[in-house]
Amino acid sequence: IWDWVVQFFPRASRDKVRSSGRAAWGSLTAFVRATVLVALADAVGIALVAVILQVPLALAIGVLVFLGAFIPIVGALISGMVAVLVALVAHGPITALLMLAGVVAVQQIESHVLQ
């Protein structure tokens, strides 16, 4: 498809356009791979905290955290908030505070080590 798009550019600039497209594709691929790895680490960490605290739906929380990592700025906040709210409803405020501490710890480790 990219070769077809390149044909719309003038002959003199096709080589530059082709190489720019390849460089952009490489950057996008690397970004997506890194985001998937970071999202997976977040999901596993927060799901593990939920399992340790015996919060119900720990696997679903992990999946939600994984998917939330792909939503810029608010995804991690909302998915972490859901994990804390499930802990609050299931086991009370102490477990919710421990879940909050676990979510914050996992996200800080992810932000400062993985990113």
N, C-alpha and C. Protein backbone atom coordinates (compact mmCIF):
# COMPACT_ATOMS: atom_id res chain seq x y z
N ILE A 1 0.84 -1.19 0.00
CA ILE A 1 0.00 0.00 0.00
C ILE A 1 0.88 1.25 0.00
N TRP A 2 1.95 1.21 0.79
CA TRP A 2 2.81 2.39 0.88
C TRP A 2 3.45 2.70 -0.47
N ASP A 3 3.86 1.67 -1.18
CA ASP A 3 4.44 1.90 -2.51
C ASP A 3 3.43 2.56 -3.45
N TRP A 4 2.17 2.20 -3.33
CA TRP A 4 1.12 2.82 -4.14
C TRP A 4 0.95 4.29 -3.76
N VAL A 5 1.01 4.60 -2.46
CA VAL A 5 0.88 5.99 -2.01
C VAL A 5 2.07 6.81 -2.48
N VAL A 6 3.25 6.23 -2.46
CA VAL A 6 4.46 6.94 -2.88
C VAL A 6 4.36 7.37 -4.34
N GLN A 7 3.65 6.62 -5.16
CA GLN A 7 3.52 6.95 -6.57
C GLN A 7 2.82 8.29 -6.81
N PHE A 8 2.10 8.80 -5.83
CA PHE A 8 1.40 10.08 -5.99
C PHE A 8 2.34 11.28 -5.83
N PHE A 9 3.55 11.03 -5.33
CA PHE A 9 4.52 12.11 -5.12
C PHE A 9 5.37 12.27 -6.38
N PRO A 10 5.96 13.45 -6.55
CA PRO A 10 6.84 13.65 -7.71
C PRO A 10 8.02 12.68 -7.68
N ARG A 11 8.49 12.31 -8.86
CA ARG A 11 9.58 11.32 -8.96
C ARG A 11 10.81 11.74 -8.16
N ALA A 12 11.10 13.01 -8.13
CA ALA A 12 12.31 13.49 -7.45
C ALA A 12 12.25 13.26 -5.94
N SER A 13 11.06 13.24 -5.37
CA SER A 13 10.95 13.12 -3.91
C SER A 13 10.50 11.74 -3.44
N ARG A 14 10.30 10.80 -4.34
CA ARG A 14 9.78 9.48 -3.96
C ARG A 14 10.71 8.71 -3.03
N ASP A 15 12.02 8.80 -3.27
CA ASP A 15 12.96 8.08 -2.39
C ASP A 15 12.89 8.61 -0.97
N LYS A 16 12.81 9.93 -0.82
CA LYS A 16 12.71 10.52 0.52
C LYS A 16 11.39 10.17 1.19
N VAL A 17 10.31 10.19 0.43
CA VAL A 17 9.00 9.84 0.98
C VAL A 17 8.98 8.37 1.39
N ARG A 18 9.54 7.51 0.56
CA ARG A 18 9.58 6.08 0.86
C ARG A 18 10.37 5.82 2.14
N SER A 19 11.54 6.44 2.27
CA SER A 19 12.36 6.22 3.46
C SER A 19 11.72 6.86 4.70
N SER A 20 11.03 7.98 4.51
CA SER A 20 10.33 8.60 5.65
C SER A 20 9.21 7.70 6.15
N GLY A 21 8.49 7.10 5.23
CA GLY A 21 7.41 6.19 5.60
C GLY A 21 7.93 4.97 6.35
N ARG A 22 9.05 4.43 5.90
CA ARG A 22 9.64 3.28 6.59
C ARG A 22 10.11 3.65 8.00
N ALA A 23 10.70 4.84 8.12
CA ALA A 23 11.15 5.30 9.44
C ALA A 23 9.95 5.53 10.37
N ALA A 24 8.89 6.11 9.83
CA ALA A 24 7.69 6.33 10.64
C ALA A 24 7.07 5.01 11.07
N TRP A 25 7.02 4.04 10.17
CA TRP A 25 6.46 2.73 10.51
C TRP A 25 7.30 2.05 11.59
N GLY A 26 8.61 2.17 11.49
CA GLY A 26 9.49 1.61 12.52
C GLY A 26 9.27 2.25 13.87
N SER A 27 9.10 3.56 13.90
CA SER A 27 8.85 4.27 15.16
C SER A 27 7.50 3.86 15.76
N LEU A 28 6.49 3.78 14.91
CA LEU A 28 5.16 3.38 15.39
C LEU A 28 5.18 1.96 15.94
N THR A 29 5.86 1.06 15.26
CA THR A 29 5.96 -0.32 15.72
C THR A 29 6.66 -0.40 17.06
N ALA A 30 7.75 0.33 17.22
CA ALA A 30 8.47 0.33 18.49
C ALA A 30 7.62 0.91 19.62
N PHE A 31 6.87 1.97 19.32
CA PHE A 31 5.99 2.57 20.32
C PHE A 31 4.91 1.60 20.78
N VAL A 32 4.30 0.90 19.84
CA VAL A 32 3.23 -0.04 20.18
C VAL A 32 3.79 -1.21 20.99
N ARG A 33 4.93 -1.72 20.60
CA ARG A 33 5.55 -2.81 21.37
C ARG A 33 5.84 -2.38 22.80
N ALA A 34 6.41 -1.21 22.97
CA ALA A 34 6.72 -0.72 24.31
C ALA A 34 5.45 -0.50 25.12
N THR A 35 4.41 0.03 24.50
CA THR A 35 3.16 0.26 25.21
C THR A 35 2.53 -1.06 25.64
N VAL A 36 2.59 -2.07 24.80
CA VAL A 36 2.05 -3.39 25.16
C VAL A 36 2.81 -3.98 26.34
N LEU A 37 4.13 -3.86 26.32
CA LEU A 37 4.92 -4.40 27.44
C LEU A 37 4.63 -3.68 28.74
N VAL A 38 4.53 -2.36 28.69
CA VAL A 38 4.22 -1.58 29.89
C VAL A 38 2.81 -1.90 30.37
N ALA A 39 1.85 -2.01 29.45
CA ALA A 39 0.47 -2.33 29.82
C ALA A 39 0.40 -3.71 30.46
N LEU A 40 1.14 -4.66 29.91
CA LEU A 40 1.15 -6.01 30.46
C LEU A 40 1.75 -6.02 31.87
N ALA A 41 2.83 -5.29 32.08
CA ALA A 41 3.44 -5.22 33.41
C ALA A 41 2.48 -4.59 34.41
N ASP A 42 1.81 -3.51 34.01
CA ASP A 42 0.80 -2.88 34.87
C ASP A 42 -0.31 -3.85 35.21
N ALA A 43 -0.84 -4.51 34.20
CA ALA A 43 -1.97 -5.42 34.40
C ALA A 43 -1.61 -6.58 35.33
N VAL A 44 -0.45 -7.17 35.10
CA VAL A 44 -0.03 -8.30 35.94
C VAL A 44 0.20 -7.83 37.37
N GLY A 45 0.85 -6.69 37.54
CA GLY A 45 1.12 -6.18 38.88
C GLY A 45 -0.14 -5.86 39.66
N ILE A 46 -1.07 -5.17 39.04
CA ILE A 46 -2.29 -4.79 39.75
C ILE A 46 -3.19 -6.00 39.97
N ALA A 47 -3.24 -6.92 39.01
CA ALA A 47 -4.02 -8.15 39.22
C ALA A 47 -3.41 -8.98 40.35
N LEU A 48 -2.10 -9.01 40.45
CA LEU A 48 -1.44 -9.73 41.52
C LEU A 48 -1.78 -9.13 42.88
N VAL A 49 -1.78 -7.81 42.97
CA VAL A 49 -2.18 -7.14 44.21
C VAL A 49 -3.63 -7.50 44.55
N ALA A 50 -4.50 -7.53 43.55
CA ALA A 50 -5.90 -7.88 43.77
C ALA A 50 -6.04 -9.33 44.25
N VAL A 51 -5.24 -10.23 43.68
CA VAL A 51 -5.28 -11.63 44.12
C VAL A 51 -4.79 -11.75 45.56
N ILE A 52 -3.71 -11.07 45.89
CA ILE A 52 -3.18 -11.12 47.25
C ILE A 52 -4.20 -10.61 48.25
N LEU A 53 -4.92 -9.54 47.88
CA LEU A 53 -5.93 -8.97 48.78
C LEU A 53 -7.27 -9.70 48.67
N GLN A 54 -7.34 -10.74 47.85
CA GLN A 54 -8.54 -11.53 47.64
C GLN A 54 -9.73 -10.69 47.16
N VAL A 55 -9.41 -9.74 46.29
CA VAL A 55 -10.46 -8.92 45.68
C VAL A 55 -11.10 -9.73 44.57
N PRO A 56 -12.43 -9.77 44.53
CA PRO A 56 -13.07 -10.53 43.44
C PRO A 56 -12.81 -9.88 42.08
N LEU A 57 -12.93 -10.68 41.05
CA LEU A 57 -12.74 -10.22 39.67
C LEU A 57 -11.32 -9.72 39.40
N ALA A 58 -10.34 -10.35 40.03
CA ALA A 58 -8.95 -9.91 39.87
C ALA A 58 -8.50 -10.02 38.42
N LEU A 59 -8.90 -11.09 37.74
CA LEU A 59 -8.52 -11.25 36.34
C LEU A 59 -9.16 -10.17 35.47
N ALA A 60 -10.43 -9.88 35.73
CA ALA A 60 -11.12 -8.83 34.98
C ALA A 60 -10.48 -7.46 35.24
N ILE A 61 -10.05 -7.23 36.46
CA ILE A 61 -9.36 -5.98 36.79
C ILE A 61 -8.05 -5.89 36.00
N GLY A 62 -7.33 -7.00 35.92
CA GLY A 62 -6.09 -7.03 35.14
C GLY A 62 -6.33 -6.72 33.67
N VAL A 63 -7.38 -7.30 33.11
CA VAL A 63 -7.71 -7.03 31.70
C VAL A 63 -8.09 -5.57 31.52
N LEU A 64 -8.87 -5.03 32.44
CA LEU A 64 -9.26 -3.62 32.37
C LEU A 64 -8.05 -2.70 32.45
N VAL A 65 -7.12 -3.02 33.32
CA VAL A 65 -5.89 -2.22 33.45
C VAL A 65 -5.08 -2.30 32.17
N PHE A 66 -4.99 -3.49 31.57
CA PHE A 66 -4.26 -3.64 30.32
C PHE A 66 -4.87 -2.77 29.23
N LEU A 67 -6.18 -2.83 29.07
CA LEU A 67 -6.84 -2.04 28.04
C LEU A 67 -6.79 -0.54 28.36
N GLY A 68 -6.88 -0.21 29.63
CA GLY A 68 -6.83 1.20 30.04
C GLY A 68 -5.48 1.85 29.76
N ALA A 69 -4.44 1.05 29.70
CA ALA A 69 -3.10 1.60 29.44
C ALA A 69 -2.99 2.22 28.05
N PHE A 70 -3.90 1.87 27.16
CA PHE A 70 -3.86 2.41 25.80
C PHE A 70 -4.63 3.72 25.67
N ILE A 71 -5.28 4.16 26.74
CA ILE A 71 -6.00 5.44 26.72
C ILE A 71 -5.11 6.47 27.40
N PRO A 72 -4.61 7.44 26.66
CA PRO A 72 -3.66 8.39 27.24
C PRO A 72 -4.26 9.18 28.41
N ILE A 73 -3.43 9.45 29.38
CA ILE A 73 -3.68 10.31 30.54
C ILE A 73 -4.70 9.71 31.52
N VAL A 74 -5.90 9.39 31.09
CA VAL A 74 -6.94 8.98 32.03
C VAL A 74 -7.12 7.47 32.14
N GLY A 75 -6.57 6.69 31.24
CA GLY A 75 -6.78 5.25 31.24
C GLY A 75 -6.30 4.59 32.51
N ALA A 76 -5.08 4.90 32.93
CA ALA A 76 -4.53 4.30 34.14
C ALA A 76 -5.29 4.77 35.37
N LEU A 77 -5.68 6.02 35.39
CA LEU A 77 -6.43 6.56 36.52
C LEU A 77 -7.78 5.86 36.67
N ILE A 78 -8.51 5.74 35.58
CA ILE A 78 -9.85 5.14 35.64
C ILE A 78 -9.77 3.65 35.98
N SER A 79 -8.87 2.92 35.35
CA SER A 79 -8.78 1.49 35.63
C SER A 79 -8.29 1.23 37.06
N GLY A 80 -7.38 2.05 37.56
CA GLY A 80 -6.95 1.93 38.95
C GLY A 80 -8.07 2.26 39.92
N MET A 81 -8.89 3.25 39.56
CA MET A 81 -10.01 3.63 40.39
C MET A 81 -11.04 2.50 40.46
N VAL A 82 -11.27 1.82 39.35
CA VAL A 82 -12.19 0.68 39.35
C VAL A 82 -11.68 -0.42 40.28
N ALA A 83 -10.39 -0.69 40.24
CA ALA A 83 -9.81 -1.71 41.12
C ALA A 83 -10.03 -1.35 42.59
N VAL A 84 -9.82 -0.10 42.92
CA VAL A 84 -10.00 0.35 44.31
C VAL A 84 -11.47 0.29 44.70
N LEU A 85 -12.37 0.68 43.82
CA LEU A 85 -13.80 0.64 44.12
C LEU A 85 -14.30 -0.79 44.31
N VAL A 86 -13.82 -1.72 43.51
CA VAL A 86 -14.20 -3.13 43.68
C VAL A 86 -13.71 -3.63 45.04
N ALA A 87 -12.50 -3.27 45.42
CA ALA A 87 -11.97 -3.66 46.73
C ALA A 87 -12.80 -3.04 47.86
N LEU A 88 -13.20 -1.80 47.68
CA LEU A 88 -14.02 -1.12 48.70
C LEU A 88 -15.36 -1.81 48.88
N VAL A 89 -16.02 -2.11 47.79
CA VAL A 89 -17.33 -2.74 47.87
C VAL A 89 -17.23 -4.16 48.42
N ALA A 90 -16.19 -4.89 48.03
CA ALA A 90 -16.08 -6.29 48.41
C ALA A 90 -15.58 -6.49 49.85
N HIS A 91 -14.62 -5.66 50.28
CA HIS A 91 -13.97 -5.92 51.57
C HIS A 91 -13.86 -4.73 52.50
N GLY A 92 -14.28 -3.56 52.10
CA GLY A 92 -14.27 -2.42 53.01
C GLY A 92 -13.11 -1.46 52.77
N PRO A 93 -13.05 -0.42 53.62
CA PRO A 93 -12.09 0.67 53.38
C PRO A 93 -10.62 0.29 53.58
N ILE A 94 -10.32 -0.62 54.49
CA ILE A 94 -8.91 -0.98 54.72
C ILE A 94 -8.34 -1.69 53.48
N THR A 95 -9.09 -2.63 52.96
CA THR A 95 -8.64 -3.34 51.75
C THR A 95 -8.57 -2.37 50.57
N ALA A 96 -9.52 -1.43 50.50
CA ALA A 96 -9.49 -0.44 49.42
C ALA A 96 -8.24 0.42 49.52
N LEU A 97 -7.86 0.82 50.73
CA LEU A 97 -6.63 1.61 50.90
C LEU A 97 -5.40 0.80 50.52
N LEU A 98 -5.40 -0.48 50.89
CA LEU A 98 -4.27 -1.34 50.50
C LEU A 98 -4.23 -1.52 48.99
N MET A 99 -5.40 -1.66 48.37
CA MET A 99 -5.46 -1.76 46.90
C MET A 99 -4.96 -0.48 46.26
N LEU A 100 -5.37 0.66 46.82
CA LEU A 100 -4.90 1.95 46.31
C LEU A 100 -3.38 2.05 46.42
N ALA A 101 -2.84 1.62 47.55
CA ALA A 101 -1.38 1.65 47.72
C ALA A 101 -0.70 0.73 46.70
N GLY A 102 -1.30 -0.44 46.44
CA GLY A 102 -0.74 -1.35 45.45
C GLY A 102 -0.80 -0.78 44.04
N VAL A 103 -1.93 -0.15 43.68
CA VAL A 103 -2.08 0.45 42.36
C VAL A 103 -1.06 1.57 42.17
N VAL A 104 -0.94 2.42 43.17
CA VAL A 104 0.02 3.53 43.08
C VAL A 104 1.45 3.00 43.00
N ALA A 105 1.77 1.98 43.79
CA ALA A 105 3.12 1.41 43.75
C ALA A 105 3.44 0.81 42.38
N VAL A 106 2.50 0.03 41.84
CA VAL A 106 2.73 -0.58 40.53
C VAL A 106 2.87 0.49 39.46
N GLN A 107 2.03 1.51 39.49
CA GLN A 107 2.10 2.56 38.48
C GLN A 107 3.36 3.40 38.61
N GLN A 108 3.83 3.61 39.83
CA GLN A 108 5.08 4.36 40.02
C GLN A 108 6.28 3.56 39.53
N ILE A 109 6.27 2.27 39.82
CA ILE A 109 7.37 1.41 39.34
C ILE A 109 7.36 1.40 37.80
N GLU A 110 6.17 1.27 37.23
CA GLU A 110 6.05 1.27 35.77
C GLU A 110 6.51 2.60 35.19
N SER A 111 6.13 3.69 35.81
CA SER A 111 6.49 5.01 35.29
C SER A 111 7.98 5.29 35.38
N HIS A 112 8.59 4.88 36.47
CA HIS A 112 9.99 5.24 36.69
C HIS A 112 10.98 4.19 36.23
N VAL A 113 10.56 2.96 36.10
CA VAL A 113 11.50 1.91 35.69
C VAL A 113 11.27 1.52 34.23
N LEU A 114 10.05 1.17 33.88
CA LEU A 114 9.78 0.69 32.53
C LEU A 114 9.75 1.81 31.49
N GLN A 115 9.10 2.92 31.81
CA GLN A 115 8.98 3.99 30.82
C GLN A 115 10.35 4.59 30.59
